Amino acid sequence: MNKFTRALRHLCTTRYSGKKAFPCATLTAIQKAITAGEAVHRAEIRLIVEPALELSAIVAGISSRQRAHELFSHYRIWDTEENSGILIYIELADHQVEIVADRGISRVIPQHHWHAVCKTMTSGFAKGEYHDSVIAGIEQLNAALQEYFPENGTQPNQLSNKPILL
């Protein structure tokens, strides 16, 4: 895909597009799914939805993966006691899902789990099923985290479970 086509798609994807794909009920369901998962594993999950990148980022060739890393740092998702922060980044204009995991998690969770979660979500997005596919992806992620990084006692919630719609 060329930069012009990508730029046009990003210019046409507005904040309204984000609110339409992720209405309040969906954001609440996402928060509940994250909270339920964090009751059975030690990871800290943050979900950020960005309808589109700014034109300057498109011109600079910034990928959704690079943007996810920027947001991981900006929102201090790395700042957890066990280095257990995970960002699920959804970029609507390109229908991309990126998962960035801190080193405490990436050491124990095989890469194929991240790919499977991303595929669950993007497959649903292609059908316009944002709500169901994100919840299914979070549940899939929670199951892997419970297996590889189970809860081992009372742990305070270190990152907000509330999704962010930029």
C-alpha atoms as a PDB file:
ATOM      1  CA  MET A   1       0.000   0.000   0.000  1.00  0.00           C
ATOM      2  CA  ASN A   2       1.374   3.419  -0.852  1.00  0.00           C
ATOM      3  CA  LYS A   3       1.605   6.399   1.486  1.00  0.00           C
ATOM      4  CA  PHE A   4      -1.111   8.321  -0.348  1.00  0.00           C
ATOM      5  CA  THR A   5      -3.682   5.541   0.064  1.00  0.00           C
ATOM      6  CA  ARG A   6      -2.739   5.053   3.697  1.00  0.00           C
ATOM      7  CA  ALA A   7      -2.876   8.796   4.382  1.00  0.00           C
ATOM      8  CA  LEU A   8      -6.310   9.055   2.792  1.00  0.00           C
ATOM      9  CA  ARG A   9      -7.616   6.161   4.882  1.00  0.00           C
ATOM     10  CA  HIS A  10      -6.268   7.772   8.061  1.00  0.00           C
ATOM     11  CA  LEU A  11      -7.735  11.164   7.171  1.00  0.00           C
ATOM     12  CA  CYS A  12     -11.149   9.557   6.642  1.00  0.00           C
ATOM     13  CA  THR A  13     -11.052   7.605   9.916  1.00  0.00           C
ATOM     14  CA  THR A  14     -12.202  10.041  12.572  1.00  0.00           C
ATOM     15  CA  ARG A  15     -12.732  10.011  16.321  1.00  0.00           C
ATOM     16  CA  TYR A  16     -16.389   9.382  15.507  1.00  0.00           C
ATOM     17  CA  SER A  17     -15.307   6.177  13.746  1.00  0.00           C
ATOM     18  CA  GLY A  18     -13.597   5.120  16.962  1.00  0.00           C
ATOM     19  CA  LYS A  19     -16.674   5.862  19.063  1.00  0.00           C
ATOM     20  CA  LYS A  20     -18.876   4.009  16.598  1.00  0.00           C
ATOM     21  CA  ALA A  21     -16.663   0.902  16.662  1.00  0.00           C
ATOM     22  CA  PHE A  22     -16.075   1.162  20.416  1.00  0.00           C
ATOM     23  CA  PRO A  23     -19.178   2.667  22.064  1.00  0.00           C
ATOM     24  CA  CYS A  24     -19.424   3.067  25.851  1.00  0.00           C
ATOM     25  CA  ALA A  25     -20.979  -0.389  26.293  1.00  0.00           C
ATOM     26  CA  THR A  26     -18.037  -2.010  24.505  1.00  0.00           C
ATOM     27  CA  LEU A  27     -15.478  -0.020  26.493  1.00  0.00           C
ATOM     28  CA  THR A  28     -17.224  -1.092  29.719  1.00  0.00           C
ATOM     29  CA  ALA A  29     -17.224  -4.744  28.601  1.00  0.00           C
ATOM     30  CA  ILE A  30     -13.499  -4.482  27.789  1.00  0.00           C
ATOM     31  CA  GLN A  31     -12.791  -3.059  31.243  1.00  0.00           C
ATOM     32  CA  LYS A  32     -14.731  -5.917  32.866  1.00  0.00           C
ATOM     33  CA  ALA A  33     -12.868  -8.528  30.790  1.00  0.00           C
ATOM     34  CA  ILE A  34      -9.505  -7.038  31.777  1.00  0.00           C
ATOM     35  CA  THR A  35     -10.530  -6.904  35.449  1.00  0.00           C
ATOM     36  CA  ALA A  36     -11.740 -10.526  35.375  1.00  0.00           C
ATOM     37  CA  GLY A  37      -8.466 -11.644  33.811  1.00  0.00           C
ATOM     38  CA  GLU A  38      -6.314  -9.797  36.291  1.00  0.00           C
ATOM     39  CA  ALA A  39      -8.069 -11.747  39.063  1.00  0.00           C
ATOM     40  CA  VAL A  40      -6.508 -14.993  37.763  1.00  0.00           C
ATOM     41  CA  HIS A  41      -3.083 -13.825  36.525  1.00  0.00           C
ATOM     42  CA  ARG A  42      -0.383 -11.365  37.581  1.00  0.00           C
ATOM     43  CA  ALA A  43      -0.129  -9.349  34.359  1.00  0.00           C
ATOM     44  CA  GLU A  44      -1.402  -5.788  33.976  1.00  0.00           C
ATOM     45  CA  ILE A  45      -3.295  -5.178  30.726  1.00  0.00           C
ATOM     46  CA  ARG A  46      -3.960  -1.802  29.112  1.00  0.00           C
ATOM     47  CA  LEU A  47      -5.981  -1.435  25.916  1.00  0.00           C
ATOM     48  CA  ILE A  48      -5.686   1.641  23.718  1.00  0.00           C
ATOM     49  CA  VAL A  49      -7.763   2.310  20.614  1.00  0.00           C
ATOM     50  CA  GLU A  50      -6.541   4.924  18.158  1.00  0.00           C
ATOM     51  CA  PRO A  51      -8.856   5.617  15.225  1.00  0.00           C
ATOM     52  CA  ALA A  52      -6.077   6.962  13.000  1.00  0.00           C
ATOM     53  CA  LEU A  53      -2.547   8.268  13.088  1.00  0.00           C
ATOM     54  CA  GLU A  54      -1.759  11.907  12.470  1.00  0.00           C
ATOM     55  CA  LEU A  55      -0.779  12.823   8.927  1.00  0.00           C
ATOM     56  CA  SER A  56       2.782  13.637  10.043  1.00  0.00           C
ATOM     57  CA  ALA A  57       3.165  10.088  11.365  1.00  0.00           C
ATOM     58  CA  ILE A  58       1.913   8.653   8.074  1.00  0.00           C
ATOM     59  CA  VAL A  59       4.330  10.819   6.059  1.00  0.00           C
ATOM     60  CA  ALA A  60       7.160   9.751   8.383  1.00  0.00           C
ATOM     61  CA  GLY A  61       6.244   6.110   7.745  1.00  0.00           C
ATOM     62  CA  ILE A  62       5.406   5.306  11.369  1.00  0.00           C
ATOM     63  CA  SER A  63       3.998   1.789  11.631  1.00  0.00           C
ATOM     64  CA  SER A  64       1.316   0.712  14.055  1.00  0.00           C
ATOM     65  CA  ARG A  65       3.993  -1.341  15.848  1.00  0.00           C
ATOM     66  CA  GLN A  66       6.166   1.741  16.327  1.00  0.00           C
ATOM     67  CA  ARG A  67       3.165   3.714  17.567  1.00  0.00           C
ATOM     68  CA  ALA A  68       2.310   0.928  20.024  1.00  0.00           C
ATOM     69  CA  HIS A  69       5.831   1.137  21.463  1.00  0.00           C
ATOM     70  CA  GLU A  70       5.479   4.934  21.824  1.00  0.00           C
ATOM     71  CA  LEU A  71       2.215   4.511  23.727  1.00  0.00           C
ATOM     72  CA  PHE A  72       3.651   1.694  25.867  1.00  0.00           C
ATOM     73  CA  SER A  73       6.287   4.137  27.035  1.00  0.00           C
ATOM     74  CA  HIS A  74       4.043   7.216  27.236  1.00  0.00           C
ATOM     75  CA  TYR A  75       1.455   5.502  29.441  1.00  0.00           C
ATOM     76  CA  ARG A  76       4.215   3.863  31.535  1.00  0.00           C
ATOM     77  CA  ILE A  77       2.866   0.379  30.960  1.00  0.00           C
ATOM     78  CA  TRP A  78       6.360  -0.907  31.670  1.00  0.00           C
ATOM     79  CA  ASP A  79       6.172   0.520  35.205  1.00  0.00           C
ATOM     80  CA  THR A  80       4.912  -2.539  37.102  1.00  0.00           C
ATOM     81  CA  GLU A  81       6.475  -4.461  39.950  1.00  0.00           C
ATOM     82  CA  GLU A  82       7.045  -7.689  38.007  1.00  0.00           C
ATOM     83  CA  ASN A  83       7.607  -6.035  34.599  1.00  0.00           C
ATOM     84  CA  SER A  84       4.230  -7.485  33.727  1.00  0.00           C
ATOM     85  CA  GLY A  85       2.595  -4.733  31.697  1.00  0.00           C
ATOM     86  CA  ILE A  86       0.894  -5.552  28.410  1.00  0.00           C
ATOM     87  CA  LEU A  87      -0.453  -3.095  25.864  1.00  0.00           C
ATOM     88  CA  ILE A  88      -3.114  -4.123  23.385  1.00  0.00           C
ATOM     89  CA  TYR A  89      -3.028  -1.387  20.763  1.00  0.00           C
ATOM     90  CA  ILE A  90      -5.787  -1.176  18.183  1.00  0.00           C
ATOM     91  CA  GLU A  91      -5.305   1.138  15.213  1.00  0.00           C
ATOM     92  CA  LEU A  92      -8.587   1.301  13.339  1.00  0.00           C
ATOM     93  CA  ALA A  93      -7.616   2.927  10.051  1.00  0.00           C
ATOM     94  CA  ASP A  94      -5.263   0.070   9.141  1.00  0.00           C
ATOM     95  CA  HIS A  95      -7.194  -2.579  11.143  1.00  0.00           C
ATOM     96  CA  GLN A  96      -4.014  -3.372  13.045  1.00  0.00           C
ATOM     97  CA  VAL A  97      -3.687  -4.900  16.499  1.00  0.00           C
ATOM     98  CA  GLU A  98      -0.328  -4.842  18.218  1.00  0.00           C
ATOM     99  CA  ILE A  99       0.572  -6.388  21.545  1.00  0.00           C
ATOM    100  CA  VAL A 100       3.575  -5.035  23.410  1.00  0.00           C
ATOM    101  CA  ALA A 101       4.562  -7.028  26.487  1.00  0.00           C
ATOM    102  CA  ASP A 102       7.081  -6.036  29.116  1.00  0.00           C
ATOM    103  CA  ARG A 103      10.100  -8.267  29.621  1.00  0.00           C
ATOM    104  CA  GLY A 104       8.665 -10.144  32.619  1.00  0.00           C
ATOM    105  CA  ILE A 105       5.831 -11.398  30.426  1.00  0.00           C
ATOM    106  CA  SER A 106       7.657 -11.792  27.116  1.00  0.00           C
ATOM    107  CA  ARG A 107      10.142 -14.166  28.778  1.00  0.00           C
ATOM    108  CA  VAL A 108       7.429 -16.678  29.660  1.00  0.00           C
ATOM    109  CA  ILE A 109       4.688 -16.348  27.011  1.00  0.00           C
ATOM    110  CA  PRO A 110       5.466 -17.868  23.608  1.00  0.00           C
ATOM    111  CA  GLN A 111       5.085 -15.482  20.655  1.00  0.00           C
ATOM    112  CA  HIS A 112       2.388 -17.587  18.989  1.00  0.00           C
ATOM    113  CA  HIS A 113      -0.072 -16.550  21.737  1.00  0.00           C
ATOM    114  CA  TRP A 114       0.284 -12.867  20.773  1.00  0.00           C
ATOM    115  CA  HIS A 115      -0.264 -13.660  17.095  1.00  0.00           C
ATOM    116  CA  ALA A 116      -3.359 -15.726  17.871  1.00  0.00           C
ATOM    117  CA  VAL A 117      -4.916 -12.910  19.921  1.00  0.00           C
ATOM    118  CA  CYS A 118      -4.190 -10.358  17.189  1.00  0.00           C
ATOM    119  CA  LYS A 119      -5.675 -12.661  14.553  1.00  0.00           C
ATOM    120  CA  THR A 120      -8.841 -13.196  16.615  1.00  0.00           C
ATOM    121  CA  MET A 121      -9.350  -9.456  16.797  1.00  0.00           C
ATOM    122  CA  THR A 122      -8.452  -8.528  13.228  1.00  0.00           C
ATOM    123  CA  SER A 123     -10.598 -11.332  11.811  1.00  0.00           C
ATOM    124  CA  GLY A 124     -13.555  -9.930  13.710  1.00  0.00           C
ATOM    125  CA  PHE A 125     -12.751  -6.367  12.663  1.00  0.00           C
ATOM    126  CA  ALA A 126     -12.901  -7.446   9.016  1.00  0.00           C
ATOM    127  CA  LYS A 127     -16.538  -8.437   9.643  1.00  0.00           C
ATOM    128  CA  GLY A 128     -17.303  -5.275  11.634  1.00  0.00           C
ATOM    129  CA  GLU A 129     -17.497  -7.275  14.885  1.00  0.00           C
ATOM    130  CA  TYR A 130     -15.437  -5.050  17.151  1.00  0.00           C
ATOM    131  CA  HIS A 131     -17.140  -5.797  20.465  1.00  0.00           C
ATOM    132  CA  ASP A 132     -17.153  -9.589  20.238  1.00  0.00           C
ATOM    133  CA  SER A 133     -13.707  -9.941  18.703  1.00  0.00           C
ATOM    134  CA  VAL A 134     -11.976  -7.729  21.277  1.00  0.00           C
ATOM    135  CA  ILE A 135     -13.659  -9.528  24.175  1.00  0.00           C
ATOM    136  CA  ALA A 136     -12.719 -12.897  22.622  1.00  0.00           C
ATOM    137  CA  GLY A 137      -9.123 -11.726  22.171  1.00  0.00           C
ATOM    138  CA  ILE A 138      -8.875 -10.519  25.769  1.00  0.00           C
ATOM    139  CA  GLU A 139     -10.312 -13.808  27.038  1.00  0.00           C
ATOM    140  CA  GLN A 140      -7.775 -15.687  24.905  1.00  0.00           C
ATOM    141  CA  LEU A 141      -4.971 -13.533  26.311  1.00  0.00           C
ATOM    142  CA  ASN A 142      -6.248 -14.001  29.875  1.00  0.00           C
ATOM    143  CA  ALA A 143      -6.234 -17.794  29.428  1.00  0.00           C
ATOM    144  CA  ALA A 144      -2.600 -17.772  28.255  1.00  0.00           C
ATOM    145  CA  LEU A 145      -1.592 -15.456  31.083  1.00  0.00           C
ATOM    146  CA  GLN A 146      -3.372 -17.641  33.643  1.00  0.00           C
ATOM    147  CA  GLU A 147      -1.430 -20.639  32.346  1.00  0.00           C
ATOM    148  CA  TYR A 148       2.011 -19.019  32.184  1.00  0.00           C
ATOM    149  CA  PHE A 149       1.770 -16.187  34.735  1.00  0.00           C
ATOM    150  CA  PRO A 150      -0.879 -17.259  37.283  1.00  0.00           C
ATOM    151  CA  GLU A 151      -2.015 -15.228  40.266  1.00  0.00           C
ATOM    152  CA  ASN A 152      -0.011 -16.098  43.391  1.00  0.00           C
ATOM    153  CA  GLY A 153      -1.660 -14.020  46.094  1.00  0.00           C
ATOM    154  CA  THR A 154      -3.024 -10.565  46.584  1.00  0.00           C
ATOM    155  CA  GLN A 155      -1.524  -8.116  44.141  1.00  0.00           C
ATOM    156  CA  PRO A 156      -2.623  -4.502  43.846  1.00  0.00           C
ATOM    157  CA  ASN A 157      -3.931  -3.251  40.518  1.00  0.00           C
ATOM    158  CA  GLN A 158      -0.990  -1.241  39.195  1.00  0.00           C
ATOM    159  CA  LEU A 159      -2.476   0.021  35.917  1.00  0.00           C
ATOM    160  CA  SER A 160      -5.975   1.221  35.214  1.00  0.00           C
ATOM    161  CA  ASN A 161      -8.182  -1.390  33.543  1.00  0.00           C
ATOM    162  CA  LYS A 162     -10.168   1.312  31.762  1.00  0.00           C
ATOM    163  CA  PRO A 163      -9.558   1.268  27.999  1.00  0.00           C
ATOM    164  CA  ILE A 164      -8.360   4.456  26.351  1.00  0.00           C
ATOM    165  CA  LEU A 165      -9.960   5.789  23.169  1.00  0.00           C
ATOM    166  CA  LEU A 166      -7.597   8.411  21.737  1.00  0.00           C
END
